[in-house]
N, C-alpha and C. Protein backbone atom coordinates (compact mmCIF):
# COMPACT_ATOMS: atom_id res chain seq x y z
N THR A 1 -2.45 16.35 -5.31
CA THR A 1 -2.53 17.71 -4.78
C THR A 1 -2.31 17.65 -3.27
N ALA A 2 -1.52 18.59 -2.78
CA ALA A 2 -1.24 18.67 -1.34
C ALA A 2 -1.39 20.12 -0.91
N HIS A 3 -1.95 20.32 0.27
CA HIS A 3 -2.11 21.65 0.85
C HIS A 3 -1.17 21.75 2.05
N VAL A 4 -0.38 22.84 2.10
CA VAL A 4 0.56 23.04 3.21
C VAL A 4 0.54 24.50 3.65
N ASN A 5 0.90 24.70 4.91
CA ASN A 5 1.07 26.05 5.43
C ASN A 5 2.57 26.33 5.47
N LEU A 6 2.98 27.39 4.79
CA LEU A 6 4.40 27.74 4.72
C LEU A 6 4.74 28.79 5.76
N GLN A 7 5.91 28.60 6.37
CA GLN A 7 6.45 29.59 7.29
C GLN A 7 7.35 30.53 6.47
N GLN A 8 7.69 31.66 7.02
CA GLN A 8 8.63 32.54 6.35
C GLN A 8 10.00 31.88 6.36
N GLY A 9 10.69 31.88 5.22
CA GLY A 9 12.01 31.26 5.12
C GLY A 9 11.92 29.89 4.46
N ASN A 10 12.87 29.01 4.79
CA ASN A 10 12.92 27.67 4.18
C ASN A 10 11.92 26.73 4.85
N ASN A 11 11.29 25.91 4.04
CA ASN A 11 10.30 24.93 4.51
C ASN A 11 10.61 23.58 3.88
N GLU A 12 10.54 22.54 4.67
CA GLU A 12 10.69 21.18 4.16
C GLU A 12 9.31 20.53 4.16
N ILE A 13 8.90 20.09 2.99
CA ILE A 13 7.58 19.48 2.81
C ILE A 13 7.80 18.05 2.37
N ILE A 14 7.22 17.11 3.09
CA ILE A 14 7.35 15.69 2.75
C ILE A 14 6.01 15.18 2.25
N LEU A 15 6.02 14.70 1.03
CA LEU A 15 4.84 14.09 0.42
C LEU A 15 5.06 12.57 0.51
N ASP A 16 4.34 11.91 1.42
CA ASP A 16 4.61 10.50 1.65
C ASP A 16 3.43 9.61 1.25
N GLY A 17 3.62 8.31 1.41
CA GLY A 17 2.59 7.35 1.04
C GLY A 17 2.53 7.09 -0.45
N LEU A 18 3.61 7.37 -1.16
CA LEU A 18 3.64 7.20 -2.60
C LEU A 18 4.22 5.83 -2.96
N SER A 19 4.19 5.51 -4.22
CA SER A 19 4.74 4.25 -4.70
C SER A 19 6.23 4.20 -4.39
N ASN A 20 6.70 3.03 -3.98
CA ASN A 20 8.13 2.90 -3.71
C ASN A 20 8.94 2.73 -5.00
N TYR A 21 8.27 2.70 -6.14
CA TYR A 21 8.94 2.63 -7.45
C TYR A 21 9.05 4.02 -8.08
N LEU A 22 8.99 5.03 -7.28
CA LEU A 22 9.05 6.41 -7.70
C LEU A 22 10.38 6.73 -8.40
N ASP A 23 10.31 7.34 -9.56
CA ASP A 23 11.50 7.75 -10.31
C ASP A 23 11.63 9.26 -10.22
N ILE A 24 12.71 9.74 -9.63
CA ILE A 24 12.92 11.18 -9.44
C ILE A 24 12.88 11.94 -10.76
N ASN A 25 13.29 11.31 -11.86
CA ASN A 25 13.30 11.97 -13.16
C ASN A 25 11.90 12.19 -13.73
N SER A 26 10.92 11.50 -13.16
CA SER A 26 9.55 11.65 -13.67
C SER A 26 8.69 12.53 -12.78
N VAL A 27 9.26 13.06 -11.70
CA VAL A 27 8.49 13.89 -10.77
C VAL A 27 8.25 15.27 -11.38
N ARG A 28 7.02 15.68 -11.36
CA ARG A 28 6.65 17.02 -11.85
C ARG A 28 5.90 17.70 -10.72
N LEU A 29 6.35 18.89 -10.34
CA LEU A 29 5.80 19.62 -9.21
C LEU A 29 5.43 21.02 -9.65
N GLU A 30 4.20 21.43 -9.35
CA GLU A 30 3.74 22.77 -9.72
C GLU A 30 3.05 23.41 -8.54
N SER A 31 3.15 24.73 -8.46
CA SER A 31 2.45 25.47 -7.44
C SER A 31 2.24 26.90 -7.93
N SER A 32 1.07 27.43 -7.66
CA SER A 32 0.79 28.81 -8.06
C SER A 32 1.05 29.76 -6.90
N SER A 33 1.53 29.23 -5.78
CA SER A 33 1.79 30.06 -4.60
C SER A 33 3.05 30.87 -4.77
N ASN A 34 3.19 31.91 -3.95
CA ASN A 34 4.34 32.79 -3.97
C ASN A 34 5.47 32.15 -3.17
N MET A 35 6.21 31.25 -3.81
CA MET A 35 7.33 30.57 -3.16
C MET A 35 8.32 30.15 -4.22
N THR A 36 9.50 29.77 -3.77
CA THR A 36 10.53 29.28 -4.68
C THR A 36 10.91 27.87 -4.25
N ILE A 37 10.85 26.95 -5.19
CA ILE A 37 11.23 25.57 -4.90
C ILE A 37 12.74 25.48 -5.04
N LEU A 38 13.43 25.08 -3.95
CA LEU A 38 14.88 24.99 -3.94
C LEU A 38 15.37 23.61 -4.34
N SER A 39 14.67 22.56 -3.90
CA SER A 39 15.09 21.21 -4.27
C SER A 39 13.91 20.24 -4.18
N VAL A 40 14.03 19.15 -4.92
CA VAL A 40 13.05 18.06 -4.90
C VAL A 40 13.85 16.77 -4.86
N ASN A 41 13.60 15.95 -3.86
CA ASN A 41 14.28 14.66 -3.72
C ASN A 41 13.25 13.56 -3.55
N ALA A 42 13.54 12.41 -4.14
CA ALA A 42 12.69 11.24 -3.97
C ALA A 42 13.45 10.20 -3.18
N ALA A 43 12.73 9.46 -2.34
CA ALA A 43 13.36 8.42 -1.53
C ALA A 43 12.35 7.32 -1.24
N THR A 44 12.86 6.18 -0.81
CA THR A 44 12.01 5.08 -0.36
C THR A 44 12.16 5.00 1.14
N ASN A 45 11.03 5.03 1.83
CA ASN A 45 11.02 4.96 3.29
C ASN A 45 10.79 3.51 3.70
N TYR A 46 11.86 2.85 4.19
CA TYR A 46 11.75 1.48 4.67
C TYR A 46 11.36 1.42 6.14
N LEU A 47 11.50 2.54 6.81
CA LEU A 47 11.18 2.61 8.24
C LEU A 47 9.85 3.31 8.43
N ASN A 48 8.84 2.75 7.84
CA ASN A 48 7.51 3.33 7.92
C ASN A 48 7.11 3.47 9.39
N PRO A 49 6.64 4.63 9.81
CA PRO A 49 6.34 4.85 11.23
C PRO A 49 5.07 4.15 11.72
N ASN A 50 4.62 3.14 11.02
CA ASN A 50 3.48 2.32 11.45
C ASN A 50 2.26 3.14 11.87
N LYS A 51 1.84 4.03 11.02
CA LYS A 51 0.63 4.79 11.27
C LYS A 51 -0.56 3.85 11.07
N LYS A 52 -1.39 3.75 12.09
CA LYS A 52 -2.55 2.88 11.97
C LYS A 52 -3.69 3.65 11.32
N THR A 53 -4.33 2.99 10.38
CA THR A 53 -5.49 3.58 9.73
C THR A 53 -6.68 3.45 10.67
N PRO A 54 -7.71 4.29 10.49
CA PRO A 54 -8.91 4.14 11.32
C PRO A 54 -9.53 2.74 11.20
N GLN A 55 -9.48 2.17 10.01
CA GLN A 55 -10.01 0.81 9.82
C GLN A 55 -9.20 -0.19 10.63
N GLU A 56 -7.88 -0.03 10.64
CA GLU A 56 -7.01 -0.93 11.40
C GLU A 56 -7.27 -0.79 12.90
N GLU A 57 -7.44 0.43 13.37
CA GLU A 57 -7.73 0.65 14.79
C GLU A 57 -9.07 0.04 15.19
N GLN A 58 -10.07 0.19 14.32
CA GLN A 58 -11.39 -0.39 14.60
C GLN A 58 -11.34 -1.91 14.63
N LEU A 59 -10.63 -2.50 13.67
CA LEU A 59 -10.48 -3.96 13.65
C LEU A 59 -9.76 -4.44 14.91
N GLN A 60 -8.71 -3.73 15.32
CA GLN A 60 -7.97 -4.13 16.51
C GLN A 60 -8.84 -4.03 17.76
N THR A 61 -9.65 -2.99 17.86
CA THR A 61 -10.56 -2.83 18.99
C THR A 61 -11.57 -3.97 19.03
N ASN A 62 -12.14 -4.30 17.86
CA ASN A 62 -13.10 -5.41 17.79
C ASN A 62 -12.44 -6.72 18.18
N LEU A 63 -11.22 -6.95 17.69
CA LEU A 63 -10.50 -8.18 18.03
C LEU A 63 -10.20 -8.26 19.52
N ASP A 64 -9.78 -7.16 20.11
CA ASP A 64 -9.49 -7.14 21.54
C ASP A 64 -10.74 -7.50 22.35
N THR A 65 -11.88 -6.93 21.96
CA THR A 65 -13.14 -7.21 22.66
C THR A 65 -13.51 -8.68 22.52
N LEU A 66 -13.43 -9.22 21.31
CA LEU A 66 -13.77 -10.62 21.08
C LEU A 66 -12.80 -11.55 21.80
N ASN A 67 -11.52 -11.22 21.81
CA ASN A 67 -10.54 -12.06 22.51
C ASN A 67 -10.76 -12.05 24.02
N THR A 68 -11.19 -10.93 24.57
CA THR A 68 -11.52 -10.86 25.99
C THR A 68 -12.72 -11.77 26.29
N GLN A 69 -13.74 -11.71 25.44
CA GLN A 69 -14.90 -12.58 25.61
C GLN A 69 -14.50 -14.04 25.48
N LEU A 70 -13.60 -14.34 24.54
CA LEU A 70 -13.15 -15.72 24.34
C LEU A 70 -12.39 -16.22 25.58
N THR A 71 -11.55 -15.37 26.15
CA THR A 71 -10.81 -15.76 27.35
C THR A 71 -11.76 -16.04 28.51
N ARG A 72 -12.75 -15.20 28.69
CA ARG A 72 -13.75 -15.42 29.75
C ARG A 72 -14.50 -16.73 29.53
N THR A 73 -14.88 -16.98 28.29
CA THR A 73 -15.60 -18.21 27.97
C THR A 73 -14.71 -19.42 28.25
N ARG A 74 -13.46 -19.35 27.84
CA ARG A 74 -12.55 -20.47 28.09
C ARG A 74 -12.27 -20.66 29.57
N ASN A 75 -12.27 -19.58 30.34
CA ASN A 75 -12.12 -19.70 31.80
C ASN A 75 -13.31 -20.45 32.40
N GLU A 76 -14.50 -20.14 31.92
CA GLU A 76 -15.70 -20.84 32.40
C GLU A 76 -15.62 -22.32 32.06
N ILE A 77 -15.20 -22.62 30.84
CA ILE A 77 -15.07 -24.02 30.41
C ILE A 77 -14.04 -24.74 31.28
N ALA A 78 -12.91 -24.11 31.52
CA ALA A 78 -11.86 -24.72 32.33
C ALA A 78 -12.34 -24.98 33.75
N ALA A 79 -13.07 -24.03 34.33
CA ALA A 79 -13.57 -24.21 35.70
C ALA A 79 -14.55 -25.37 35.77
N LEU A 80 -15.44 -25.45 34.81
CA LEU A 80 -16.40 -26.56 34.79
C LEU A 80 -15.71 -27.90 34.55
N ASN A 81 -14.71 -27.91 33.68
CA ASN A 81 -13.96 -29.15 33.45
C ASN A 81 -13.20 -29.58 34.70
N GLU A 82 -12.66 -28.64 35.44
CA GLU A 82 -11.97 -28.96 36.69
C GLU A 82 -12.95 -29.56 37.69
N GLU A 83 -14.12 -28.97 37.78
CA GLU A 83 -15.12 -29.52 38.70
C GLU A 83 -15.54 -30.92 38.27
N LEU A 84 -15.68 -31.13 36.98
CA LEU A 84 -16.05 -32.45 36.46
C LEU A 84 -14.97 -33.47 36.80
N GLU A 85 -13.72 -33.11 36.62
CA GLU A 85 -12.62 -34.02 36.97
C GLU A 85 -12.61 -34.31 38.47
N MET A 86 -12.87 -33.28 39.26
CA MET A 86 -12.94 -33.48 40.71
C MET A 86 -14.06 -34.45 41.06
N MET A 87 -15.19 -34.28 40.41
CA MET A 87 -16.33 -35.18 40.66
C MET A 87 -15.96 -36.61 40.28
N LYS A 88 -15.31 -36.79 39.15
CA LYS A 88 -14.94 -38.13 38.69
C LYS A 88 -13.92 -38.78 39.62
N SER A 89 -12.94 -37.99 40.09
CA SER A 89 -11.91 -38.57 40.96
C SER A 89 -12.45 -38.90 42.34
N ASN A 90 -13.53 -38.26 42.76
CA ASN A 90 -14.11 -38.53 44.08
C ASN A 90 -15.31 -39.47 44.00
N TYR A 91 -15.51 -40.09 42.89
CA TYR A 91 -16.68 -40.94 42.69
C TYR A 91 -16.51 -42.30 43.36
N ARG A 92 -15.27 -42.69 43.63
CA ARG A 92 -15.02 -43.99 44.24
C ARG A 92 -15.69 -44.08 45.61
N VAL A 93 -16.30 -45.19 45.86
CA VAL A 93 -16.89 -45.45 47.17
C VAL A 93 -16.07 -46.57 47.81
N THR A 94 -15.54 -46.27 48.95
CA THR A 94 -14.75 -47.31 49.63
C THR A 94 -15.54 -47.88 50.78
N THR A 95 -15.26 -49.11 51.07
CA THR A 95 -15.89 -49.75 52.23
C THR A 95 -14.80 -49.99 53.25
N GLY A 96 -15.00 -49.44 54.39
CA GLY A 96 -14.02 -49.62 55.46
C GLY A 96 -14.50 -50.73 56.38
N SER A 97 -14.07 -50.66 57.57
CA SER A 97 -14.43 -51.68 58.55
C SER A 97 -15.90 -51.59 58.94
N GLN A 98 -16.50 -50.40 58.68
CA GLN A 98 -17.88 -50.22 59.11
C GLN A 98 -18.88 -50.56 58.03
N GLY A 99 -18.41 -50.77 56.78
CA GLY A 99 -19.34 -51.07 55.70
C GLY A 99 -20.02 -49.80 55.23
N PHE A 100 -21.11 -49.94 54.49
CA PHE A 100 -21.82 -48.77 54.01
C PHE A 100 -23.30 -49.10 53.93
N TYR A 101 -24.08 -48.04 53.95
CA TYR A 101 -25.52 -48.20 53.87
C TYR A 101 -25.98 -48.02 52.43
N VAL A 102 -26.91 -48.81 52.01
CA VAL A 102 -27.42 -48.76 50.64
C VAL A 102 -28.05 -47.39 50.37
N ASP A 103 -28.80 -46.87 51.35
CA ASP A 103 -29.44 -45.55 51.17
C ASP A 103 -28.39 -44.46 50.93
N ALA A 104 -27.31 -44.50 51.70
CA ALA A 104 -26.25 -43.51 51.55
C ALA A 104 -25.59 -43.65 50.18
N LEU A 105 -25.39 -44.89 49.74
CA LEU A 105 -24.79 -45.14 48.44
C LEU A 105 -25.70 -44.62 47.32
N GLU A 106 -26.98 -44.87 47.43
CA GLU A 106 -27.93 -44.38 46.42
C GLU A 106 -27.96 -42.86 46.39
N ASN A 107 -27.95 -42.22 47.56
CA ASN A 107 -27.96 -40.75 47.62
C ASN A 107 -26.69 -40.17 46.99
N THR A 108 -25.56 -40.80 47.26
CA THR A 108 -24.29 -40.35 46.70
C THR A 108 -24.30 -40.51 45.18
N ALA A 109 -24.76 -41.66 44.71
CA ALA A 109 -24.82 -41.90 43.27
C ALA A 109 -25.76 -40.92 42.59
N ASP A 110 -26.90 -40.65 43.22
CA ASP A 110 -27.85 -39.68 42.65
C ASP A 110 -27.24 -38.28 42.59
N PHE A 111 -26.52 -37.90 43.67
CA PHE A 111 -25.88 -36.59 43.70
C PHE A 111 -24.86 -36.47 42.57
N PHE A 112 -23.98 -37.47 42.43
CA PHE A 112 -22.96 -37.44 41.38
C PHE A 112 -23.59 -37.42 39.99
N ASP A 113 -24.60 -38.24 39.80
CA ASP A 113 -25.29 -38.29 38.51
C ASP A 113 -25.89 -36.93 38.15
N LYS A 114 -26.58 -36.35 39.11
CA LYS A 114 -27.23 -35.06 38.88
C LYS A 114 -26.19 -33.96 38.62
N ARG A 115 -25.14 -33.91 39.43
CA ARG A 115 -24.16 -32.83 39.29
C ARG A 115 -23.34 -32.97 38.01
N ILE A 116 -22.99 -34.17 37.63
CA ILE A 116 -22.24 -34.37 36.39
C ILE A 116 -23.08 -33.95 35.19
N LYS A 117 -24.36 -34.27 35.19
CA LYS A 117 -25.25 -33.83 34.11
C LYS A 117 -25.36 -32.30 34.08
N GLU A 118 -25.44 -31.68 35.26
CA GLU A 118 -25.51 -30.22 35.32
C GLU A 118 -24.25 -29.58 34.72
N ILE A 119 -23.11 -30.16 35.07
CA ILE A 119 -21.84 -29.62 34.56
C ILE A 119 -21.78 -29.78 33.04
N LEU A 120 -22.10 -30.97 32.55
CA LEU A 120 -22.06 -31.21 31.11
C LEU A 120 -23.03 -30.31 30.36
N ASN A 121 -24.22 -30.11 30.91
CA ASN A 121 -25.20 -29.22 30.28
C ASN A 121 -24.75 -27.76 30.35
N SER A 122 -24.04 -27.39 31.41
CA SER A 122 -23.52 -26.03 31.52
C SER A 122 -22.40 -25.78 30.52
N LEU A 123 -21.67 -26.82 30.16
CA LEU A 123 -20.57 -26.68 29.21
C LEU A 123 -21.06 -26.42 27.79
N MET A 124 -22.22 -26.95 27.43
CA MET A 124 -22.71 -26.85 26.04
C MET A 124 -22.81 -25.41 25.54
N PRO A 125 -23.47 -24.49 26.26
CA PRO A 125 -23.54 -23.12 25.72
C PRO A 125 -22.17 -22.43 25.66
N PHE A 126 -21.29 -22.77 26.59
CA PHE A 126 -19.95 -22.17 26.55
C PHE A 126 -19.18 -22.64 25.32
N HIS A 127 -19.32 -23.91 24.98
CA HIS A 127 -18.65 -24.41 23.77
C HIS A 127 -19.24 -23.75 22.52
N ALA A 128 -20.55 -23.54 22.50
CA ALA A 128 -21.18 -22.87 21.35
C ALA A 128 -20.70 -21.42 21.27
N THR A 129 -20.60 -20.75 22.41
CA THR A 129 -20.10 -19.37 22.43
C THR A 129 -18.66 -19.32 21.95
N GLU A 130 -17.84 -20.27 22.40
CA GLU A 130 -16.44 -20.32 21.99
C GLU A 130 -16.33 -20.48 20.47
N THR A 131 -17.12 -21.38 19.91
CA THR A 131 -17.10 -21.60 18.46
C THR A 131 -17.54 -20.35 17.72
N GLY A 132 -18.59 -19.70 18.20
CA GLY A 132 -19.06 -18.47 17.57
C GLY A 132 -18.02 -17.37 17.61
N LEU A 133 -17.35 -17.22 18.74
CA LEU A 133 -16.31 -16.19 18.86
C LEU A 133 -15.14 -16.49 17.93
N LEU A 134 -14.74 -17.76 17.87
CA LEU A 134 -13.64 -18.12 16.97
C LEU A 134 -14.01 -17.85 15.51
N ASN A 135 -15.27 -18.08 15.15
CA ASN A 135 -15.73 -17.82 13.78
C ASN A 135 -15.77 -16.32 13.47
N LYS A 136 -15.94 -15.49 14.49
CA LYS A 136 -15.91 -14.04 14.30
C LYS A 136 -14.46 -13.52 14.27
N ILE A 137 -13.61 -14.11 15.10
CA ILE A 137 -12.23 -13.64 15.22
C ILE A 137 -11.43 -13.93 13.96
N ALA A 138 -11.59 -15.12 13.39
CA ALA A 138 -10.77 -15.53 12.25
C ALA A 138 -10.80 -14.55 11.07
N PRO A 139 -11.99 -14.15 10.57
CA PRO A 139 -11.98 -13.22 9.43
C PRO A 139 -11.48 -11.82 9.82
N LEU A 140 -11.77 -11.38 11.04
CA LEU A 140 -11.27 -10.07 11.47
C LEU A 140 -9.74 -10.08 11.53
N GLN A 141 -9.18 -11.16 12.06
CA GLN A 141 -7.73 -11.26 12.15
C GLN A 141 -7.10 -11.31 10.76
N ALA A 142 -7.73 -12.04 9.85
CA ALA A 142 -7.23 -12.12 8.47
C ALA A 142 -7.24 -10.74 7.81
N GLN A 143 -8.32 -9.99 8.02
CA GLN A 143 -8.42 -8.65 7.45
C GLN A 143 -7.37 -7.72 8.04
N LEU A 144 -7.19 -7.79 9.35
CA LEU A 144 -6.17 -6.96 10.01
C LEU A 144 -4.78 -7.32 9.51
N ASN A 145 -4.49 -8.60 9.36
CA ASN A 145 -3.18 -9.02 8.85
C ASN A 145 -2.95 -8.48 7.45
N GLU A 146 -3.98 -8.49 6.62
CA GLU A 146 -3.86 -7.98 5.25
C GLU A 146 -3.55 -6.48 5.25
N ILE A 147 -4.24 -5.74 6.09
CA ILE A 147 -4.00 -4.29 6.18
C ILE A 147 -2.59 -4.02 6.69
N GLN A 148 -2.16 -4.75 7.72
CA GLN A 148 -0.83 -4.55 8.27
C GLN A 148 0.26 -4.93 7.26
N ARG A 149 0.02 -5.98 6.49
CA ARG A 149 0.99 -6.38 5.47
C ARG A 149 1.12 -5.30 4.42
N LYS A 150 -0.02 -4.75 4.02
CA LYS A 150 -0.01 -3.68 3.01
C LYS A 150 0.71 -2.44 3.54
N ASN A 151 0.45 -2.09 4.79
CA ASN A 151 1.06 -0.89 5.37
C ASN A 151 2.54 -1.09 5.69
N ALA A 152 2.99 -2.33 5.78
CA ALA A 152 4.39 -2.60 6.11
C ALA A 152 5.30 -2.47 4.90
N ALA A 153 4.73 -2.41 3.71
CA ALA A 153 5.55 -2.30 2.50
C ALA A 153 6.24 -0.94 2.48
N PRO A 154 7.46 -0.89 1.96
CA PRO A 154 8.14 0.41 1.87
C PRO A 154 7.35 1.37 0.98
N GLN A 155 7.41 2.63 1.33
CA GLN A 155 6.67 3.64 0.58
C GLN A 155 7.61 4.72 0.07
N GLY A 156 7.27 5.25 -1.09
CA GLY A 156 8.05 6.34 -1.65
C GLY A 156 7.61 7.66 -1.04
N GLU A 157 8.54 8.59 -1.04
CA GLU A 157 8.21 9.93 -0.56
C GLU A 157 9.03 10.96 -1.32
N ILE A 158 8.45 12.11 -1.47
CA ILE A 158 9.11 13.23 -2.13
C ILE A 158 9.34 14.30 -1.06
N THR A 159 10.58 14.77 -0.97
CA THR A 159 10.90 15.85 -0.04
C THR A 159 11.16 17.11 -0.88
N VAL A 160 10.39 18.14 -0.59
CA VAL A 160 10.51 19.41 -1.31
C VAL A 160 11.01 20.45 -0.32
N VAL A 161 12.04 21.16 -0.71
CA VAL A 161 12.51 22.30 0.09
C VAL A 161 12.14 23.55 -0.70
N ALA A 162 11.36 24.40 -0.04
CA ALA A 162 10.90 25.63 -0.70
C ALA A 162 11.09 26.80 0.25
N THR A 163 11.24 27.98 -0.32
CA THR A 163 11.37 29.17 0.50
C THR A 163 10.19 30.09 0.21
N SER A 164 9.76 30.75 1.27
CA SER A 164 8.62 31.65 1.15
C SER A 164 8.98 32.98 1.79
N SER A 165 8.47 34.06 1.21
CA SER A 165 8.78 35.39 1.75
C SER A 165 7.92 35.72 2.97
N GLY A 166 6.90 34.94 3.22
CA GLY A 166 6.04 35.17 4.38
C GLY A 166 5.18 33.95 4.65
N TYR A 167 4.35 34.06 5.67
CA TYR A 167 3.45 32.97 6.01
C TYR A 167 2.34 32.90 4.97
N SER A 168 2.12 31.69 4.43
CA SER A 168 1.07 31.55 3.42
C SER A 168 0.64 30.10 3.33
N GLU A 169 -0.49 29.92 2.70
CA GLU A 169 -0.97 28.56 2.43
C GLU A 169 -0.66 28.27 0.98
N ALA A 170 -0.09 27.09 0.74
CA ALA A 170 0.30 26.72 -0.62
C ALA A 170 -0.38 25.43 -1.02
N GLU A 171 -0.59 25.34 -2.32
CA GLU A 171 -1.17 24.12 -2.88
C GLU A 171 -0.20 23.59 -3.93
N PHE A 172 0.20 22.35 -3.75
CA PHE A 172 1.09 21.70 -4.69
C PHE A 172 0.29 20.73 -5.54
N THR A 173 0.64 20.68 -6.81
CA THR A 173 0.14 19.64 -7.69
C THR A 173 1.37 18.88 -8.14
N PHE A 174 1.35 17.58 -7.92
CA PHE A 174 2.53 16.81 -8.30
C PHE A 174 2.09 15.53 -9.02
N SER A 175 2.97 15.07 -9.86
CA SER A 175 2.75 13.81 -10.55
C SER A 175 4.09 13.12 -10.70
N TYR A 176 4.03 11.84 -10.90
CA TYR A 176 5.27 11.08 -11.06
C TYR A 176 5.03 9.88 -11.93
């Protein structure tokens, strides 16, 4: 059943979202409204205008939010890893012509030890967050892909041309 508002004169009504295996010979169209049906055509629409369903829009919004959080988390991980690499590359202690003091060497070693542990401990929650986000993203992405695959299939549509003597609301009952 479809509800339409008819203008005075000829009206083109498209009933879409139907099976793409629609057989024009099996289409039955009825209406109790004051109008005359001039023609009925069936077609397959391969150029679906990609109308997003509310569920698809909600999934995409959720995915965008989670992907933004994932990017921020990965940026934090990258920054900490860069600092860790910097710490490791500057860990060498060289002795020049002046030698070095044991106290200074111990202080440097303590500083590097403490800071490397801080960096590694800071990385742990970010890795856990990254894993959690990936576990949330995967099923949402799979669901969105399934919906998009289903919506990408060609759909059948019936085009009805009807004439009306005035403005009116019409109700069609159709089967195929």
